[in-house]
């Protein structure tokens, strides 16, 4: 039964990767920009002598999840519900 669960889980993530493959470059670009924002934020806080806290780093994680979720939802809405409307 354990092998069956792993196989189903693998198929689900493979399907998800195939469905989201058209927006992969956008998701990578957003991730790179968020990492750049994190690095510059750490650099600025060190320059000003402020402490770097886990609450500040948590904001970057939340920001990543929100932005990536918005990209995925927008892609799914455009692709599967709107079917390219009004671009046809």
N, C-alpha and C. Protein backbone atom coordinates (compact mmCIF):
# COMPACT_ATOMS: atom_id res chain seq x y z
N UNK A 1 0.83 -1.19 0.00
CA UNK A 1 0.00 0.00 0.00
C UNK A 1 0.87 1.25 0.00
N UNK A 2 2.02 1.20 0.65
CA UNK A 2 2.92 2.35 0.70
C UNK A 2 3.43 2.70 -0.70
N UNK A 3 3.75 1.69 -1.50
CA UNK A 3 4.23 1.91 -2.86
C UNK A 3 3.17 2.59 -3.71
N UNK A 4 1.92 2.22 -3.52
CA UNK A 4 0.83 2.81 -4.26
C UNK A 4 0.69 4.29 -3.92
N UNK A 5 0.79 4.64 -2.65
CA UNK A 5 0.68 6.04 -2.24
C UNK A 5 1.79 6.89 -2.84
N UNK A 6 3.01 6.36 -2.87
CA UNK A 6 4.13 7.08 -3.44
C UNK A 6 3.95 7.28 -4.94
N UNK A 7 3.44 6.27 -5.60
CA UNK A 7 3.23 6.35 -7.04
C UNK A 7 2.17 7.40 -7.37
N UNK A 8 1.10 7.43 -6.62
CA UNK A 8 0.04 8.41 -6.85
C UNK A 8 0.55 9.82 -6.58
N UNK A 9 1.32 9.97 -5.51
CA UNK A 9 1.88 11.28 -5.18
C UNK A 9 2.84 11.75 -6.26
N UNK A 10 3.67 10.85 -6.76
CA UNK A 10 4.60 11.19 -7.84
C UNK A 10 3.85 11.61 -9.10
N UNK A 11 2.80 10.89 -9.44
CA UNK A 11 2.01 11.23 -10.63
C UNK A 11 1.33 12.58 -10.47
N UNK A 12 0.86 12.88 -9.27
CA UNK A 12 0.22 14.17 -9.02
C UNK A 12 1.21 15.32 -9.22
N UNK A 13 2.40 15.20 -8.65
CA UNK A 13 3.38 16.27 -8.79
C UNK A 13 3.92 16.37 -10.22
N UNK A 14 4.01 15.24 -10.92
CA UNK A 14 4.42 15.28 -12.32
C UNK A 14 3.37 16.00 -13.16
N UNK A 15 2.09 15.71 -12.90
CA UNK A 15 1.01 16.39 -13.62
C UNK A 15 1.02 17.88 -13.32
N UNK A 16 1.23 18.23 -12.05
CA UNK A 16 1.27 19.63 -11.66
C UNK A 16 2.42 20.35 -12.35
N UNK A 17 3.57 19.71 -12.44
CA UNK A 17 4.72 20.31 -13.12
C UNK A 17 4.44 20.53 -14.60
N UNK A 18 3.75 19.59 -15.23
CA UNK A 18 3.43 19.74 -16.64
C UNK A 18 2.42 20.86 -16.88
N UNK A 19 1.44 20.96 -16.02
CA UNK A 19 0.42 22.01 -16.17
C UNK A 19 1.05 23.39 -15.97
N UNK A 20 1.96 23.51 -15.02
CA UNK A 20 2.55 24.81 -14.70
C UNK A 20 3.81 25.12 -15.51
N UNK A 21 4.21 24.24 -16.41
CA UNK A 21 5.45 24.47 -17.16
C UNK A 21 5.44 25.76 -17.98
N UNK A 22 4.31 26.24 -18.52
CA UNK A 22 4.37 27.51 -19.26
C UNK A 22 4.71 28.73 -18.39
N UNK A 23 4.42 28.68 -17.10
CA UNK A 23 4.71 29.83 -16.24
C UNK A 23 6.00 29.64 -15.43
N UNK A 24 6.73 28.59 -15.72
CA UNK A 24 7.98 28.33 -14.99
C UNK A 24 8.96 29.49 -15.08
N UNK A 25 9.20 30.08 -16.27
CA UNK A 25 10.14 31.21 -16.32
C UNK A 25 9.69 32.40 -15.48
N UNK A 26 8.40 32.66 -15.44
CA UNK A 26 7.89 33.77 -14.64
C UNK A 26 8.11 33.49 -13.16
N UNK A 27 7.84 32.26 -12.75
CA UNK A 27 8.00 31.90 -11.34
C UNK A 27 9.48 31.97 -10.93
N UNK A 28 10.36 31.56 -11.82
CA UNK A 28 11.80 31.65 -11.53
C UNK A 28 12.23 33.11 -11.43
N UNK A 29 11.75 33.95 -12.35
CA UNK A 29 12.11 35.37 -12.32
C UNK A 29 11.63 36.04 -11.04
N UNK A 30 10.41 35.74 -10.62
CA UNK A 30 9.88 36.31 -9.38
C UNK A 30 10.70 35.83 -8.19
N UNK A 31 11.08 34.56 -8.19
CA UNK A 31 11.90 34.03 -7.09
C UNK A 31 13.26 34.73 -7.03
N UNK A 32 13.87 34.96 -8.18
CA UNK A 32 15.16 35.65 -8.22
C UNK A 32 15.01 37.08 -7.68
N UNK A 33 13.94 37.76 -8.06
CA UNK A 33 13.72 39.12 -7.58
C UNK A 33 13.46 39.16 -6.07
N UNK A 34 12.76 38.17 -5.55
CA UNK A 34 12.51 38.13 -4.11
C UNK A 34 13.81 37.85 -3.36
N UNK A 35 14.65 36.98 -3.90
CA UNK A 35 15.95 36.71 -3.28
C UNK A 35 16.81 37.97 -3.31
N UNK A 36 16.77 38.70 -4.43
CA UNK A 36 17.52 39.97 -4.50
C UNK A 36 16.99 40.97 -3.48
N UNK A 37 15.68 41.00 -3.29
CA UNK A 37 15.08 41.88 -2.28
C UNK A 37 15.54 41.48 -0.88
N UNK A 38 15.60 40.19 -0.63
CA UNK A 38 16.07 39.69 0.67
C UNK A 38 17.52 40.07 0.91
N UNK A 39 18.36 39.88 -0.09
CA UNK A 39 19.79 40.19 0.06
C UNK A 39 20.01 41.68 0.28
N UNK A 40 19.31 42.50 -0.50
CA UNK A 40 19.48 43.95 -0.31
C UNK A 40 18.91 44.41 1.03
N UNK A 41 17.85 43.75 1.49
CA UNK A 41 17.30 44.08 2.81
C UNK A 41 18.26 43.74 3.93
N UNK A 42 18.91 42.59 3.83
CA UNK A 42 19.91 42.20 4.83
C UNK A 42 21.10 43.16 4.79
N UNK A 43 21.52 43.50 3.58
CA UNK A 43 22.65 44.42 3.42
C UNK A 43 22.32 45.78 4.03
N UNK A 44 21.11 46.30 3.78
CA UNK A 44 20.72 47.61 4.31
C UNK A 44 20.60 47.58 5.83
N UNK A 45 20.08 46.49 6.38
CA UNK A 45 19.95 46.42 7.84
C UNK A 45 21.32 46.31 8.51
N UNK A 46 22.26 45.62 7.89
CA UNK A 46 23.62 45.56 8.45
C UNK A 46 24.29 46.93 8.35
N UNK A 47 24.03 47.63 7.26
CA UNK A 47 24.62 48.94 7.07
C UNK A 47 24.11 49.93 8.11
N UNK A 48 22.82 49.80 8.48
CA UNK A 48 22.23 50.70 9.48
C UNK A 48 22.41 50.20 10.91
N UNK A 49 22.99 49.00 11.07
CA UNK A 49 23.24 48.46 12.39
C UNK A 49 22.03 47.82 13.06
N UNK A 50 21.02 47.50 12.29
CA UNK A 50 19.82 46.86 12.84
C UNK A 50 20.03 45.36 12.93
N UNK A 51 19.29 44.74 13.86
CA UNK A 51 19.35 43.29 14.00
C UNK A 51 18.52 42.63 12.91
N UNK A 52 19.00 41.49 12.46
CA UNK A 52 18.25 40.68 11.50
C UNK A 52 17.47 39.65 12.31
N UNK A 53 16.15 39.68 12.19
CA UNK A 53 15.31 38.80 12.99
C UNK A 53 14.61 37.78 12.10
N UNK A 54 14.12 36.73 12.74
CA UNK A 54 13.39 35.72 11.99
C UNK A 54 12.06 36.27 11.49
N UNK A 55 11.50 37.26 12.16
CA UNK A 55 10.25 37.87 11.70
C UNK A 55 10.46 38.57 10.36
N UNK A 56 11.60 39.21 10.21
CA UNK A 56 11.91 39.86 8.94
C UNK A 56 12.11 38.84 7.83
N UNK A 57 12.77 37.73 8.13
CA UNK A 57 12.97 36.69 7.13
C UNK A 57 11.66 35.98 6.81
N UNK A 58 10.78 35.91 7.79
CA UNK A 58 9.47 35.28 7.56
C UNK A 58 8.68 36.07 6.52
N UNK A 59 8.86 37.38 6.50
CA UNK A 59 8.16 38.20 5.51
C UNK A 59 8.54 37.80 4.09
N UNK A 60 9.80 37.44 3.88
CA UNK A 60 10.23 37.01 2.55
C UNK A 60 9.60 35.69 2.16
N UNK A 61 9.46 34.79 3.12
CA UNK A 61 8.83 33.49 2.85
C UNK A 61 7.35 33.70 2.50
N UNK A 62 6.68 34.53 3.29
CA UNK A 62 5.26 34.82 3.02
C UNK A 62 5.11 35.51 1.67
N UNK A 63 5.99 36.45 1.39
CA UNK A 63 5.96 37.17 0.11
C UNK A 63 6.12 36.18 -1.05
N UNK A 64 7.04 35.25 -0.92
CA UNK A 64 7.25 34.25 -1.97
C UNK A 64 6.00 33.41 -2.18
N UNK A 65 5.40 32.94 -1.10
CA UNK A 65 4.20 32.11 -1.22
C UNK A 65 3.04 32.89 -1.84
N UNK A 66 2.86 34.13 -1.44
CA UNK A 66 1.76 34.93 -1.98
C UNK A 66 1.99 35.22 -3.46
N UNK A 67 3.18 35.64 -3.84
CA UNK A 67 3.44 35.98 -5.24
C UNK A 67 3.33 34.75 -6.14
N UNK A 68 3.91 33.64 -5.71
CA UNK A 68 3.85 32.42 -6.53
C UNK A 68 2.41 31.91 -6.64
N UNK A 69 1.66 32.02 -5.55
CA UNK A 69 0.25 31.60 -5.59
C UNK A 69 -0.55 32.48 -6.54
N UNK A 70 -0.28 33.77 -6.52
CA UNK A 70 -0.98 34.69 -7.43
C UNK A 70 -0.66 34.37 -8.89
N UNK A 71 0.57 34.04 -9.18
CA UNK A 71 0.96 33.67 -10.54
C UNK A 71 0.24 32.40 -10.97
N UNK A 72 0.21 31.40 -10.09
CA UNK A 72 -0.45 30.13 -10.42
C UNK A 72 -1.95 30.33 -10.63
N UNK A 73 -2.59 31.05 -9.72
CA UNK A 73 -4.04 31.28 -9.84
C UNK A 73 -4.35 32.06 -11.11
N UNK A 74 -3.57 33.09 -11.40
CA UNK A 74 -3.78 33.86 -12.63
C UNK A 74 -3.61 33.02 -13.87
N UNK A 75 -2.61 32.16 -13.88
CA UNK A 75 -2.38 31.28 -15.03
C UNK A 75 -3.53 30.30 -15.20
N UNK A 76 -3.97 29.70 -14.11
CA UNK A 76 -5.06 28.73 -14.19
C UNK A 76 -6.36 29.41 -14.65
N UNK A 77 -6.64 30.60 -14.12
CA UNK A 77 -7.84 31.32 -14.54
C UNK A 77 -7.79 31.65 -16.03
N UNK A 78 -6.66 32.15 -16.48
CA UNK A 78 -6.54 32.53 -17.88
C UNK A 78 -6.59 31.31 -18.80
N UNK A 79 -5.91 30.25 -18.43
CA UNK A 79 -5.79 29.09 -19.31
C UNK A 79 -7.03 28.22 -19.35
N UNK A 80 -7.60 27.94 -18.20
CA UNK A 80 -8.64 26.93 -18.14
C UNK A 80 -10.05 27.51 -18.00
N UNK A 81 -10.20 28.68 -17.43
CA UNK A 81 -11.53 29.25 -17.29
C UNK A 81 -11.84 30.26 -18.39
N UNK A 82 -10.89 31.11 -18.72
CA UNK A 82 -11.13 32.12 -19.73
C UNK A 82 -10.77 31.63 -21.14
N UNK A 83 -10.00 30.57 -21.22
CA UNK A 83 -9.58 29.99 -22.50
C UNK A 83 -8.98 31.01 -23.45
N UNK A 84 -8.19 31.92 -22.91
CA UNK A 84 -7.52 32.92 -23.73
C UNK A 84 -8.36 34.13 -24.04
N UNK A 85 -9.57 34.19 -23.57
CA UNK A 85 -10.43 35.35 -23.83
C UNK A 85 -9.84 36.57 -23.16
N UNK A 86 -9.74 37.68 -23.72
CA UNK A 86 -10.23 38.24 -25.00
C UNK A 86 -9.21 38.20 -26.11
N UNK A 87 -8.23 37.37 -26.02
CA UNK A 87 -7.13 37.34 -26.99
C UNK A 87 -7.46 36.55 -28.23
N UNK A 88 -8.61 35.95 -28.32
CA UNK A 88 -8.97 35.14 -29.51
C UNK A 88 -9.68 35.97 -30.53
